[in-house]
């Protein structure tokens, strides 16, 4: 196929896609009905009458040529197919809203939507961001904290901070290899550090995002610990508090507890050296071109990782 024919085919496809694109107001009505569960609540959120919402939904049905609603006496609910459609539309509307907000906040420069892990983001990334802002004042970074897995296909993120192995469909840049060590309150080990075998008998604190961390650590020490019961926390900030209050031994990244170890609020539970169970990465999707803002941020981060590698451990 020559270049002219390819351009003609692409233009024809875009023309068809535009004709199929429903009115934005009708899509907003559908999304609101799906999320809120009633036409009354959707009307209140959209500042419309219920009859106006019904007309918008009827317009959408006519445009798509398929039924979207189940009408029952004085109530409306979406068909299963319409619920799936509304979920896709919601992600698209969020992307439009975020892009519009970004343009309003920074009309002359680029914007980067970034998902971060709370503790790493606050302790490692955020303190470095003033340098990025000084070097690239034209780029605005919008940050969302995420504990659960993110999905570039359905969420409006340009990039994310990820811990662990490779993610399918993404490129990645290694930011920092995490070093972990067992720590606890001094009152939990009044006689000093414990042997590794004894450590498995003490109360252990776990974190939801890394359920196998303790087992992996024991295996690196050449110990089969057996069952590892204990209290589970959802974030590093709360598990650190649990360790400080003597609830058990926590396996924590050294960069998160440097201050507590220095002050004596926490002590090392064993004499073992810190070990790495994984690394933090910047990841971004492969199915779209990197934006200028993402390229600037990625290149800047690569300089930060070089500095990190030179720090003593």
Protein backbone atom coordinates (compact mmCIF):
# COMPACT_ATOMS: atom_id res chain seq x y z
CA UNK A 1 0.00 0.00 0.00
CA UNK A 2 1.45 3.39 -0.97
CA UNK A 3 1.54 6.39 1.37
CA UNK A 4 -1.39 8.18 -0.33
CA UNK A 5 -3.66 5.15 -0.03
CA UNK A 6 -2.65 4.66 3.61
CA UNK A 7 -3.47 8.29 4.46
CA UNK A 8 -6.82 8.00 2.66
CA UNK A 9 -7.69 4.84 4.62
CA UNK A 10 -6.76 6.46 7.94
CA UNK A 11 -8.84 9.56 7.13
CA UNK A 12 -11.81 7.38 6.21
CA UNK A 13 -11.51 5.50 9.51
CA UNK A 14 -11.33 8.73 11.53
CA UNK A 15 -14.35 10.12 9.70
CA UNK A 16 -16.35 7.00 10.54
CA UNK A 17 -15.18 7.11 14.17
CA UNK A 18 -16.33 10.72 14.51
CA UNK A 19 -19.78 9.87 13.15
CA UNK A 20 -20.08 7.09 15.73
CA UNK A 21 -18.96 9.34 18.61
CA UNK A 22 -22.03 10.00 20.83
CA UNK A 23 -22.85 13.40 22.37
CA UNK A 24 -20.74 14.09 25.46
CA UNK A 25 -23.76 15.11 27.55
CA UNK A 26 -25.42 11.77 26.85
CA UNK A 27 -22.28 9.88 27.86
CA UNK A 28 -22.10 11.84 31.11
CA UNK A 29 -25.72 10.93 31.87
CA UNK A 30 -25.03 7.23 31.26
CA UNK A 31 -21.90 7.24 33.45
CA UNK A 32 -23.69 9.07 36.28
CA UNK A 33 -26.65 6.66 36.21
CA UNK A 34 -24.32 3.66 36.36
CA UNK A 35 -22.22 5.10 39.20
CA UNK A 36 -25.03 6.58 41.31
CA UNK A 37 -27.71 3.96 40.67
CA UNK A 38 -30.72 6.20 40.05
CA UNK A 39 -31.91 8.83 37.60
CA UNK A 40 -32.74 11.11 40.53
CA UNK A 41 -29.18 11.08 41.85
CA UNK A 42 -27.76 11.46 38.33
CA UNK A 43 -30.01 14.46 37.70
CA UNK A 44 -28.91 16.12 40.94
CA UNK A 45 -25.21 15.66 40.15
CA UNK A 46 -25.59 16.94 36.58
CA UNK A 47 -27.89 19.83 37.64
CA UNK A 48 -30.61 18.60 35.26
CA UNK A 49 -34.20 17.46 35.63
CA UNK A 50 -34.95 13.74 35.60
CA UNK A 51 -36.77 14.15 32.32
CA UNK A 52 -33.67 15.80 30.82
CA UNK A 53 -31.53 12.84 31.95
CA UNK A 54 -34.06 10.45 30.41
CA UNK A 55 -33.92 12.38 27.13
CA UNK A 56 -30.11 12.24 27.12
CA UNK A 57 -30.22 8.48 27.60
CA UNK A 58 -32.82 8.08 24.87
CA UNK A 59 -30.60 10.13 22.56
CA UNK A 60 -27.71 7.78 23.34
CA UNK A 61 -29.83 4.70 22.61
CA UNK A 62 -30.94 6.18 19.29
CA UNK A 63 -27.38 7.13 18.38
CA UNK A 64 -25.96 3.69 19.15
CA UNK A 65 -28.95 1.80 17.78
CA UNK A 66 -29.15 -0.53 20.78
CA UNK A 67 -31.13 -0.60 24.03
CA UNK A 68 -29.20 0.52 27.10
CA UNK A 69 -31.93 0.75 29.72
CA UNK A 70 -34.37 -1.49 31.53
CA UNK A 71 -37.41 0.63 32.36
CA UNK A 72 -39.29 -0.61 35.41
CA UNK A 73 -42.28 1.47 36.50
CA UNK A 74 -40.65 4.72 37.68
CA UNK A 75 -37.03 3.52 37.76
CA UNK A 76 -34.24 3.03 35.24
CA UNK A 77 -31.34 0.60 35.29
CA UNK A 78 -28.67 -0.25 32.77
CA UNK A 79 -28.46 -3.49 30.84
CA UNK A 80 -25.34 -5.60 31.53
CA UNK A 81 -23.85 -4.52 28.19
CA UNK A 82 -24.55 -0.86 29.05
CA UNK A 83 -22.81 -1.30 32.43
CA UNK A 84 -19.67 -2.55 30.68
CA UNK A 85 -19.91 0.36 28.24
CA UNK A 86 -20.30 2.82 31.12
CA UNK A 87 -17.12 1.51 32.74
CA UNK A 88 -15.16 2.19 29.56
CA UNK A 89 -16.78 5.60 29.17
CA UNK A 90 -15.91 6.49 32.78
CA UNK A 91 -12.21 6.00 32.12
CA UNK A 92 -12.46 8.13 28.96
CA UNK A 93 -14.33 10.92 30.76
CA UNK A 94 -11.74 10.89 33.55
CA UNK A 95 -8.99 11.24 30.95
CA UNK A 96 -10.76 14.19 29.35
CA UNK A 97 -11.31 15.84 32.74
CA UNK A 98 -7.69 15.34 33.78
CA UNK A 99 -6.39 16.65 30.46
CA UNK A 100 -8.65 19.70 30.72
CA UNK A 101 -7.55 20.42 34.28
CA UNK A 102 -3.91 20.03 33.31
CA UNK A 103 -4.31 22.43 30.40
CA UNK A 104 -6.03 24.96 32.64
CA UNK A 105 -3.32 24.71 35.32
CA UNK A 106 -0.42 24.72 32.86
CA UNK A 107 -1.54 26.10 29.47
CA UNK A 108 1.98 26.55 28.07
CA UNK A 109 3.75 23.33 29.11
CA UNK A 110 3.34 19.60 29.29
CA UNK A 111 1.68 17.51 31.97
CA UNK A 112 2.57 14.12 33.41
CA UNK A 113 0.06 11.97 35.32
CA UNK A 114 2.04 9.73 37.67
CA UNK A 115 0.95 6.92 40.01
CA UNK A 116 3.29 6.41 42.97
CA UNK A 117 3.70 4.05 45.90
CA UNK A 118 3.03 6.10 49.06
CA UNK A 119 6.12 5.47 51.18
CA UNK A 120 8.68 5.38 48.37
CA UNK A 121 7.06 8.35 46.69
CA UNK A 122 7.04 10.49 49.82
CA UNK A 123 10.50 9.49 51.10
CA UNK A 124 12.47 9.12 47.85
CA UNK A 125 10.72 10.89 44.99
CA UNK A 126 8.99 13.95 46.44
CA UNK A 127 12.12 15.38 48.13
CA UNK A 128 13.83 15.30 44.72
CA UNK A 129 10.97 16.91 42.76
CA UNK A 130 11.96 20.54 43.48
CA UNK A 131 15.07 19.91 41.39
CA UNK A 132 12.92 18.66 38.51
CA UNK A 133 10.63 21.70 38.83
CA UNK A 134 13.66 24.00 38.71
CA UNK A 135 15.04 22.30 35.60
CA UNK A 136 11.68 21.91 33.83
CA UNK A 137 9.27 24.64 34.99
CA UNK A 138 7.14 24.00 31.89
CA UNK A 139 6.12 20.50 33.07
CA UNK A 140 3.37 19.90 35.64
CA UNK A 141 3.33 16.54 37.45
CA UNK A 142 0.00 15.28 38.79
CA UNK A 143 0.58 12.60 41.44
CA UNK A 144 -1.80 9.88 42.62
CA UNK A 145 -0.83 7.40 45.33
CA UNK A 146 -1.66 3.77 44.63
CA UNK A 147 -1.26 0.62 46.70
CA UNK A 148 -3.22 -1.68 44.41
CA UNK A 149 -2.09 -2.56 40.88
CA UNK A 150 -2.73 0.13 38.27
CA UNK A 151 -3.94 -0.38 34.71
CA UNK A 152 -2.62 1.87 31.96
CA UNK A 153 -5.42 0.66 29.65
CA UNK A 154 -8.25 1.93 31.86
CA UNK A 155 -6.65 4.63 34.02
CA UNK A 156 -5.33 8.03 32.92
CA UNK A 157 -1.70 7.51 33.97
CA UNK A 158 1.27 8.33 31.75
CA UNK A 159 3.69 6.47 34.03
CA UNK A 160 3.89 4.84 37.44
CA UNK A 161 6.30 3.81 40.18
CA UNK A 162 6.27 0.01 40.42
CA UNK A 163 7.98 -2.40 42.81
CA UNK A 164 8.90 -5.87 41.66
CA UNK A 165 9.45 -7.62 38.36
CA UNK A 166 8.63 -6.70 34.79
CA UNK A 167 5.10 -5.67 33.89
CA UNK A 168 3.77 -6.87 30.50
CA UNK A 169 3.24 -4.08 28.01
CA UNK A 170 5.56 -1.61 29.70
CA UNK A 171 9.02 -0.12 29.41
CA UNK A 172 10.90 0.44 32.65
CA UNK A 173 13.76 2.33 34.28
CA UNK A 174 15.28 0.96 37.49
CA UNK A 175 15.22 3.64 40.19
CA UNK A 176 16.51 1.96 43.33
CA UNK A 177 17.16 -1.57 44.56
CA UNK A 178 15.54 -1.91 47.96
CA UNK A 179 17.54 -3.26 50.91
CA UNK A 180 15.50 -4.76 53.78
CA UNK A 181 16.38 -5.77 57.34
CA UNK A 182 14.45 -7.10 60.38
CA UNK A 183 13.84 -4.44 63.04
CA UNK A 184 11.83 -4.22 66.24
CA UNK A 185 11.38 -2.22 69.44
CA UNK A 186 14.21 -2.76 71.98
CA UNK A 187 11.69 -4.16 74.49
CA UNK A 188 11.00 -7.13 72.21
CA UNK A 189 14.65 -8.31 72.43
CA UNK A 190 15.88 -7.32 75.90
CA UNK A 191 18.85 -9.68 75.58
CA UNK A 192 20.00 -8.26 72.24
CA UNK A 193 19.91 -9.52 68.68
CA UNK A 194 18.39 -12.92 67.96
CA UNK A 195 19.68 -15.84 65.95
CA UNK A 196 17.90 -16.25 62.62
CA UNK A 197 16.25 -19.53 63.69
CA UNK A 198 14.81 -17.88 66.81
CA UNK A 199 13.51 -14.97 64.81
CA UNK A 200 10.95 -17.24 63.14
CA UNK A 201 9.45 -17.94 66.59
CA UNK A 202 8.92 -14.28 67.43
CA UNK A 203 5.76 -12.35 66.40
CA UNK A 204 6.33 -11.15 62.83
CA UNK A 205 4.65 -8.20 61.14
CA UNK A 206 3.62 -8.52 57.49
CA UNK A 207 2.64 -6.07 54.76
CA UNK A 208 -0.15 -6.78 52.27
CA UNK A 209 1.74 -5.66 49.19
CA UNK A 210 4.57 -8.15 49.85
CA UNK A 211 3.00 -11.25 51.39
CA UNK A 212 6.04 -13.48 50.67
CA UNK A 213 8.71 -11.04 51.89
CA UNK A 214 9.44 -12.79 55.18
CA UNK A 215 9.54 -16.26 53.59
CA UNK A 216 11.88 -15.00 50.85
CA UNK A 217 14.13 -13.39 53.48
CA UNK A 218 14.40 -16.60 55.53
CA UNK A 219 15.21 -18.60 52.40
CA UNK A 220 18.08 -16.22 51.64
CA UNK A 221 19.37 -16.96 55.15
CA UNK A 222 19.20 -20.70 54.48
CA UNK A 223 16.35 -21.25 56.95
CA UNK A 224 13.02 -23.00 56.42
CA UNK A 225 10.81 -21.05 58.85
CA UNK A 226 7.62 -23.11 58.57
CA UNK A 227 4.36 -21.24 59.20
CA UNK A 228 4.73 -17.48 59.66
CA UNK A 229 1.63 -16.10 61.36
CA UNK A 230 1.42 -12.46 62.41
CA UNK A 231 -0.35 -9.14 62.10
CA UNK A 232 -0.70 -7.76 58.56
CA UNK A 233 -0.60 -4.05 57.65
CA UNK A 234 -1.51 -2.30 54.41
CA UNK A 235 1.20 0.40 54.38
CA UNK A 236 4.76 0.91 55.57
CA UNK A 237 3.74 3.90 57.70
CA UNK A 238 1.44 1.71 59.79
CA UNK A 239 3.75 -1.30 60.02
CA UNK A 240 6.53 0.99 61.28
CA UNK A 241 4.18 2.17 64.03
CA UNK A 242 3.41 -1.45 64.87
CA UNK A 243 7.13 -2.17 65.22
CA UNK A 244 7.70 0.95 67.33
CA UNK A 245 4.96 -0.14 69.75
CA UNK A 246 6.45 -3.62 70.18
CA UNK A 247 3.87 -5.64 68.25
CA UNK A 248 6.54 -7.70 66.53
CA UNK A 249 9.51 -7.80 64.19
CA UNK A 250 9.07 -6.00 60.86
CA UNK A 251 11.06 -6.56 57.67
CA UNK A 252 11.55 -3.01 56.45
CA UNK A 253 13.49 -1.09 53.80
CA UNK A 254 16.52 0.51 55.44
CA UNK A 255 15.83 3.94 53.94
CA UNK A 256 12.47 4.06 55.77
CA UNK A 257 13.84 3.38 59.26
CA UNK A 258 17.25 5.07 59.25
CA UNK A 259 16.06 7.76 61.68
CA UNK A 260 14.38 5.29 64.06
CA UNK A 261 17.48 3.09 64.15
CA UNK A 262 19.72 6.08 64.78
CA UNK A 263 17.53 7.31 67.65
CA UNK A 264 17.27 3.84 69.21
CA UNK A 265 13.48 3.66 68.87
CA UNK A 266 14.06 0.57 66.73
CA UNK A 267 16.92 -1.91 66.81
CA UNK A 268 18.15 -4.52 64.37
CA UNK A 269 16.68 -7.88 65.26
CA UNK A 270 19.58 -9.91 63.81
CA UNK A 271 23.20 -9.39 62.83
CA UNK A 272 22.46 -10.31 59.19
CA UNK A 273 23.31 -7.75 56.52
CA UNK A 274 20.48 -6.03 54.61
CA UNK A 275 19.37 -7.97 51.54
CA UNK A 276 17.52 -7.00 48.38
CA UNK A 277 14.14 -8.56 47.58
CA UNK A 278 13.37 -6.32 44.62
CA UNK A 279 13.67 -2.90 43.03
CA UNK A 280 11.59 0.18 42.31
CA UNK A 281 11.01 1.06 38.66
CA UNK A 282 9.49 3.86 36.65
CA UNK A 283 7.20 2.12 34.14
CA UNK A 284 5.28 3.48 31.17
CA UNK A 285 3.10 1.79 28.50
CA UNK A 286 4.53 0.54 25.22
CA UNK A 287 1.32 0.97 23.23
CA UNK A 288 1.62 4.76 22.95
CA UNK A 289 4.44 7.20 22.21
CA UNK A 290 6.14 8.80 25.19
CA UNK A 291 5.07 12.42 25.62
CA UNK A 292 7.68 15.20 25.83
CA UNK A 293 6.84 15.59 29.54
CA UNK A 294 7.44 11.87 30.17
CA UNK A 295 10.74 11.96 28.27
CA UNK A 296 11.96 14.90 30.36
CA UNK A 297 10.91 13.20 33.59
CA UNK A 298 12.45 9.86 32.61
CA UNK A 299 15.75 11.45 31.59
CA UNK A 300 15.86 13.45 34.83
CA UNK A 301 15.14 10.32 36.90
CA UNK A 302 17.97 8.47 35.18
CA UNK A 303 20.33 11.08 36.64
CA UNK A 304 18.85 10.55 40.11
CA UNK A 305 19.43 6.80 39.89
CA UNK A 306 23.09 7.38 38.99
CA UNK A 307 23.45 9.45 42.15
CA UNK A 308 21.72 6.72 44.18
CA UNK A 309 24.11 4.06 42.92
CA UNK A 310 27.04 6.10 44.21
CA UNK A 311 25.69 6.26 47.77
CA UNK A 312 27.35 3.94 50.31
CA UNK A 313 25.32 1.01 51.67
